[in-house]
Amino acid sequence: MRIKPLPRWLQKRYAILWDKLKDNPFNFETAQKILGDKPEVLNVAFSQMRKDGWLEVSFDPNDARKRIYRLVPLEKAYKELAKTTKVKK
């Protein structure tokens, strides 16, 4: 997994979701209720968070058309980010 720093608009959403859910699994509807975002905005946010390594996605075992999401813990993400960030001397 390759972690990239999140833009501020995504950092805010990550922090809100983490405060409510920690690393517990959740669905799209739960995130939408917590954040109050329109579905289009949430789709873009989740896509970017997944691409940058901050969100894990799997299929819902009860309905393969739906997804289950899980936030990557900050400690794990920062450790991974530190490994991939080059230190300039």
N, C-alpha and C. Protein backbone atom coordinates (compact mmCIF):
# COMPACT_ATOMS: atom_id res chain seq x y z
N MET A 1 0.85 -1.18 0.00
CA MET A 1 0.00 0.00 0.00
C MET A 1 0.89 1.23 0.00
N ARG A 2 0.59 2.17 -0.84
CA ARG A 2 1.35 3.41 -0.91
C ARG A 2 0.47 4.55 -0.43
N ILE A 3 0.89 5.19 0.63
CA ILE A 3 0.14 6.30 1.22
C ILE A 3 0.65 7.62 0.65
N LYS A 4 -0.27 8.50 0.33
CA LYS A 4 0.07 9.85 -0.11
C LYS A 4 -0.64 10.83 0.82
N PRO A 5 -0.06 12.01 1.03
CA PRO A 5 -0.74 13.02 1.86
C PRO A 5 -2.09 13.41 1.25
N LEU A 6 -3.05 13.62 2.11
CA LEU A 6 -4.39 14.02 1.66
C LEU A 6 -4.50 15.53 1.54
N PRO A 7 -5.25 16.02 0.54
CA PRO A 7 -5.57 17.45 0.49
C PRO A 7 -6.42 17.83 1.70
N ARG A 8 -6.42 19.10 2.05
CA ARG A 8 -7.15 19.57 3.25
C ARG A 8 -8.62 19.18 3.24
N TRP A 9 -9.28 19.30 2.09
CA TRP A 9 -10.72 19.00 2.05
C TRP A 9 -10.98 17.54 2.39
N LEU A 10 -10.02 16.65 2.10
CA LEU A 10 -10.17 15.25 2.45
C LEU A 10 -9.71 14.98 3.88
N GLN A 11 -8.73 15.71 4.35
CA GLN A 11 -8.29 15.56 5.74
C GLN A 11 -9.45 15.83 6.69
N LYS A 12 -10.23 16.85 6.38
CA LYS A 12 -11.38 17.21 7.21
C LYS A 12 -12.40 16.07 7.26
N ARG A 13 -12.71 15.51 6.10
CA ARG A 13 -13.68 14.41 6.05
C ARG A 13 -13.14 13.16 6.75
N TYR A 14 -11.86 12.87 6.54
CA TYR A 14 -11.25 11.73 7.21
C TYR A 14 -11.37 11.91 8.72
N ALA A 15 -11.04 13.09 9.23
CA ALA A 15 -11.07 13.35 10.68
C ALA A 15 -12.47 13.18 11.25
N ILE A 16 -13.47 13.67 10.54
CA ILE A 16 -14.86 13.54 11.00
C ILE A 16 -15.27 12.08 11.05
N LEU A 17 -14.97 11.35 9.98
CA LEU A 17 -15.32 9.93 9.94
C LEU A 17 -14.56 9.15 11.01
N TRP A 18 -13.27 9.45 11.18
CA TRP A 18 -12.47 8.75 12.18
C TRP A 18 -13.02 8.99 13.58
N ASP A 19 -13.43 10.23 13.86
CA ASP A 19 -13.98 10.56 15.17
C ASP A 19 -15.22 9.73 15.49
N LYS A 20 -16.04 9.47 14.48
CA LYS A 20 -17.28 8.72 14.69
C LYS A 20 -17.10 7.21 14.58
N LEU A 21 -16.23 6.76 13.65
CA LEU A 21 -16.19 5.34 13.29
C LEU A 21 -14.90 4.61 13.63
N LYS A 22 -13.82 5.36 13.86
CA LYS A 22 -12.49 4.76 14.04
C LYS A 22 -12.20 3.86 12.83
N ASP A 23 -11.69 2.64 13.07
CA ASP A 23 -11.41 1.75 11.94
C ASP A 23 -12.48 0.67 11.78
N ASN A 24 -13.69 0.97 12.25
CA ASN A 24 -14.82 0.05 12.09
C ASN A 24 -15.34 0.12 10.66
N PRO A 25 -15.84 -0.99 10.13
CA PRO A 25 -16.40 -0.97 8.78
C PRO A 25 -17.68 -0.14 8.74
N PHE A 26 -17.92 0.48 7.58
CA PHE A 26 -19.12 1.29 7.39
C PHE A 26 -19.52 1.26 5.92
N ASN A 27 -20.75 1.69 5.65
CA ASN A 27 -21.22 1.74 4.27
C ASN A 27 -21.35 3.19 3.81
N PHE A 28 -21.67 3.34 2.54
CA PHE A 28 -21.77 4.66 1.92
C PHE A 28 -22.83 5.52 2.61
N GLU A 29 -23.96 4.92 2.91
CA GLU A 29 -25.07 5.66 3.52
C GLU A 29 -24.69 6.19 4.90
N THR A 30 -23.96 5.40 5.67
CA THR A 30 -23.52 5.84 6.99
C THR A 30 -22.60 7.05 6.86
N ALA A 31 -21.65 6.98 5.95
CA ALA A 31 -20.72 8.10 5.73
C ALA A 31 -21.47 9.34 5.27
N GLN A 32 -22.45 9.15 4.41
CA GLN A 32 -23.22 10.28 3.91
C GLN A 32 -23.99 10.97 5.04
N LYS A 33 -24.56 10.18 5.94
CA LYS A 33 -25.28 10.76 7.08
C LYS A 33 -24.34 11.53 7.99
N ILE A 34 -23.15 11.00 8.22
CA ILE A 34 -22.19 11.65 9.12
C ILE A 34 -21.66 12.93 8.51
N LEU A 35 -21.29 12.88 7.23
CA LEU A 35 -20.66 14.04 6.58
C LEU A 35 -21.65 15.05 6.02
N GLY A 36 -22.83 14.56 5.64
CA GLY A 36 -23.82 15.45 5.03
C GLY A 36 -23.48 15.86 3.62
N ASP A 37 -22.59 15.12 2.97
CA ASP A 37 -22.19 15.43 1.59
C ASP A 37 -23.18 14.85 0.59
N LYS A 38 -23.22 15.48 -0.59
CA LYS A 38 -23.99 14.92 -1.69
C LYS A 38 -23.28 13.65 -2.17
N PRO A 39 -24.02 12.70 -2.72
CA PRO A 39 -23.39 11.45 -3.19
C PRO A 39 -22.24 11.67 -4.17
N GLU A 40 -22.38 12.67 -5.05
CA GLU A 40 -21.32 12.93 -6.03
C GLU A 40 -20.02 13.35 -5.35
N VAL A 41 -20.13 14.19 -4.33
CA VAL A 41 -18.95 14.66 -3.59
C VAL A 41 -18.33 13.50 -2.82
N LEU A 42 -19.16 12.70 -2.20
CA LEU A 42 -18.66 11.57 -1.42
C LEU A 42 -18.00 10.52 -2.32
N ASN A 43 -18.53 10.31 -3.51
CA ASN A 43 -17.89 9.39 -4.46
C ASN A 43 -16.49 9.86 -4.82
N VAL A 44 -16.34 11.14 -5.09
CA VAL A 44 -15.02 11.69 -5.42
C VAL A 44 -14.09 11.59 -4.22
N ALA A 45 -14.59 11.92 -3.04
CA ALA A 45 -13.77 11.86 -1.82
C ALA A 45 -13.29 10.43 -1.57
N PHE A 46 -14.20 9.47 -1.64
CA PHE A 46 -13.83 8.07 -1.39
C PHE A 46 -12.86 7.56 -2.45
N SER A 47 -13.07 7.94 -3.68
CA SER A 47 -12.17 7.52 -4.75
C SER A 47 -10.75 8.02 -4.49
N GLN A 48 -10.63 9.28 -4.13
CA GLN A 48 -9.31 9.86 -3.87
C GLN A 48 -8.67 9.28 -2.61
N MET A 49 -9.47 9.10 -1.56
CA MET A 49 -8.94 8.52 -0.32
C MET A 49 -8.47 7.08 -0.54
N ARG A 50 -9.20 6.33 -1.35
CA ARG A 50 -8.80 4.96 -1.66
C ARG A 50 -7.51 4.96 -2.48
N LYS A 51 -7.46 5.82 -3.48
CA LYS A 51 -6.29 5.91 -4.35
C LYS A 51 -5.04 6.32 -3.57
N ASP A 52 -5.21 7.20 -2.59
CA ASP A 52 -4.09 7.70 -1.79
C ASP A 52 -3.76 6.80 -0.61
N GLY A 53 -4.52 5.71 -0.43
CA GLY A 53 -4.19 4.71 0.59
C GLY A 53 -4.79 4.93 1.96
N TRP A 54 -5.76 5.81 2.09
CA TRP A 54 -6.36 6.13 3.39
C TRP A 54 -7.68 5.40 3.64
N LEU A 55 -8.18 4.70 2.63
CA LEU A 55 -9.47 4.03 2.73
C LEU A 55 -9.38 2.65 2.08
N GLU A 56 -9.80 1.64 2.81
CA GLU A 56 -9.85 0.28 2.27
C GLU A 56 -11.28 -0.02 1.87
N VAL A 57 -11.44 -0.69 0.72
CA VAL A 57 -12.77 -0.98 0.20
C VAL A 57 -12.89 -2.47 -0.07
N SER A 58 -14.03 -3.05 0.31
CA SER A 58 -14.32 -4.45 0.01
C SER A 58 -15.79 -4.57 -0.36
N PHE A 59 -16.15 -5.72 -0.92
CA PHE A 59 -17.55 -5.96 -1.27
C PHE A 59 -18.35 -6.32 -0.04
N ASP A 60 -19.59 -5.89 -0.02
CA ASP A 60 -20.52 -6.26 1.04
C ASP A 60 -20.87 -7.74 0.85
N PRO A 61 -20.65 -8.59 1.86
CA PRO A 61 -20.94 -10.02 1.69
C PRO A 61 -22.42 -10.31 1.45
N ASN A 62 -23.29 -9.39 1.83
CA ASN A 62 -24.74 -9.60 1.65
C ASN A 62 -25.25 -9.08 0.31
N ASP A 63 -24.51 -8.16 -0.30
CA ASP A 63 -24.93 -7.58 -1.58
C ASP A 63 -23.69 -7.12 -2.33
N ALA A 64 -23.28 -7.89 -3.33
CA ALA A 64 -22.04 -7.61 -4.07
C ALA A 64 -22.08 -6.30 -4.84
N ARG A 65 -23.23 -5.68 -4.96
CA ARG A 65 -23.32 -4.38 -5.63
C ARG A 65 -22.89 -3.25 -4.71
N LYS A 66 -22.86 -3.52 -3.42
CA LYS A 66 -22.51 -2.49 -2.42
C LYS A 66 -21.10 -2.72 -1.90
N ARG A 67 -20.54 -1.67 -1.30
CA ARG A 67 -19.19 -1.72 -0.78
C ARG A 67 -19.19 -1.49 0.73
N ILE A 68 -18.18 -2.05 1.37
CA ILE A 68 -17.91 -1.81 2.78
C ILE A 68 -16.58 -1.06 2.84
N TYR A 69 -16.54 0.01 3.63
CA TYR A 69 -15.36 0.85 3.73
C TYR A 69 -14.75 0.74 5.12
N ARG A 70 -13.46 0.97 5.19
CA ARG A 70 -12.75 1.00 6.48
C ARG A 70 -11.61 2.01 6.35
N LEU A 71 -11.53 2.94 7.31
CA LEU A 71 -10.46 3.92 7.30
C LEU A 71 -9.16 3.28 7.77
N VAL A 72 -8.06 3.66 7.13
CA VAL A 72 -6.75 3.21 7.56
C VAL A 72 -6.37 4.04 8.78
N PRO A 73 -5.97 3.40 9.90
CA PRO A 73 -5.60 4.16 11.10
C PRO A 73 -4.46 5.14 10.84
N LEU A 74 -4.52 6.29 11.49
CA LEU A 74 -3.49 7.32 11.31
C LEU A 74 -2.09 6.79 11.57
N GLU A 75 -1.92 6.02 12.63
CA GLU A 75 -0.59 5.52 12.98
C GLU A 75 -0.01 4.69 11.84
N LYS A 76 -0.82 3.82 11.29
CA LYS A 76 -0.39 2.96 10.19
C LYS A 76 -0.09 3.80 8.95
N ALA A 77 -0.95 4.75 8.66
CA ALA A 77 -0.76 5.61 7.49
C ALA A 77 0.50 6.46 7.62
N TYR A 78 0.74 7.03 8.79
CA TYR A 78 1.92 7.87 8.98
C TYR A 78 3.21 7.06 8.91
N LYS A 79 3.19 5.84 9.44
CA LYS A 79 4.37 4.98 9.34
C LYS A 79 4.68 4.68 7.88
N GLU A 80 3.65 4.36 7.14
CA GLU A 80 3.82 4.06 5.71
C GLU A 80 4.26 5.31 4.95
N LEU A 81 3.69 6.45 5.29
CA LEU A 81 4.05 7.70 4.64
C LEU A 81 5.51 8.06 4.93
N ALA A 82 5.95 7.82 6.16
CA ALA A 82 7.34 8.10 6.53
C ALA A 82 8.31 7.23 5.74
N LYS A 83 7.93 6.00 5.46
CA LYS A 83 8.78 5.09 4.69
C LYS A 83 8.96 5.56 3.25
N THR A 84 7.90 6.14 2.68
CA THR A 84 7.93 6.52 1.27
C THR A 84 8.40 7.94 1.03
N THR A 85 8.48 8.74 2.09
CA THR A 85 8.92 10.12 1.95
C THR A 85 10.44 10.19 2.09
N LYS A 86 11.07 10.78 1.10
CA LYS A 86 12.52 10.90 1.14
C LYS A 86 12.91 12.10 2.00
N VAL A 87 13.92 11.92 2.81
CA VAL A 87 14.43 12.99 3.66
C VAL A 87 15.57 13.66 2.93
N LYS A 88 15.49 14.98 2.76
CA LYS A 88 16.56 15.74 2.10
C LYS A 88 17.60 16.12 3.12
N LYS A 89 18.86 15.95 2.75
CA LYS A 89 19.96 16.31 3.65
C LYS A 89 20.60 17.60 3.20
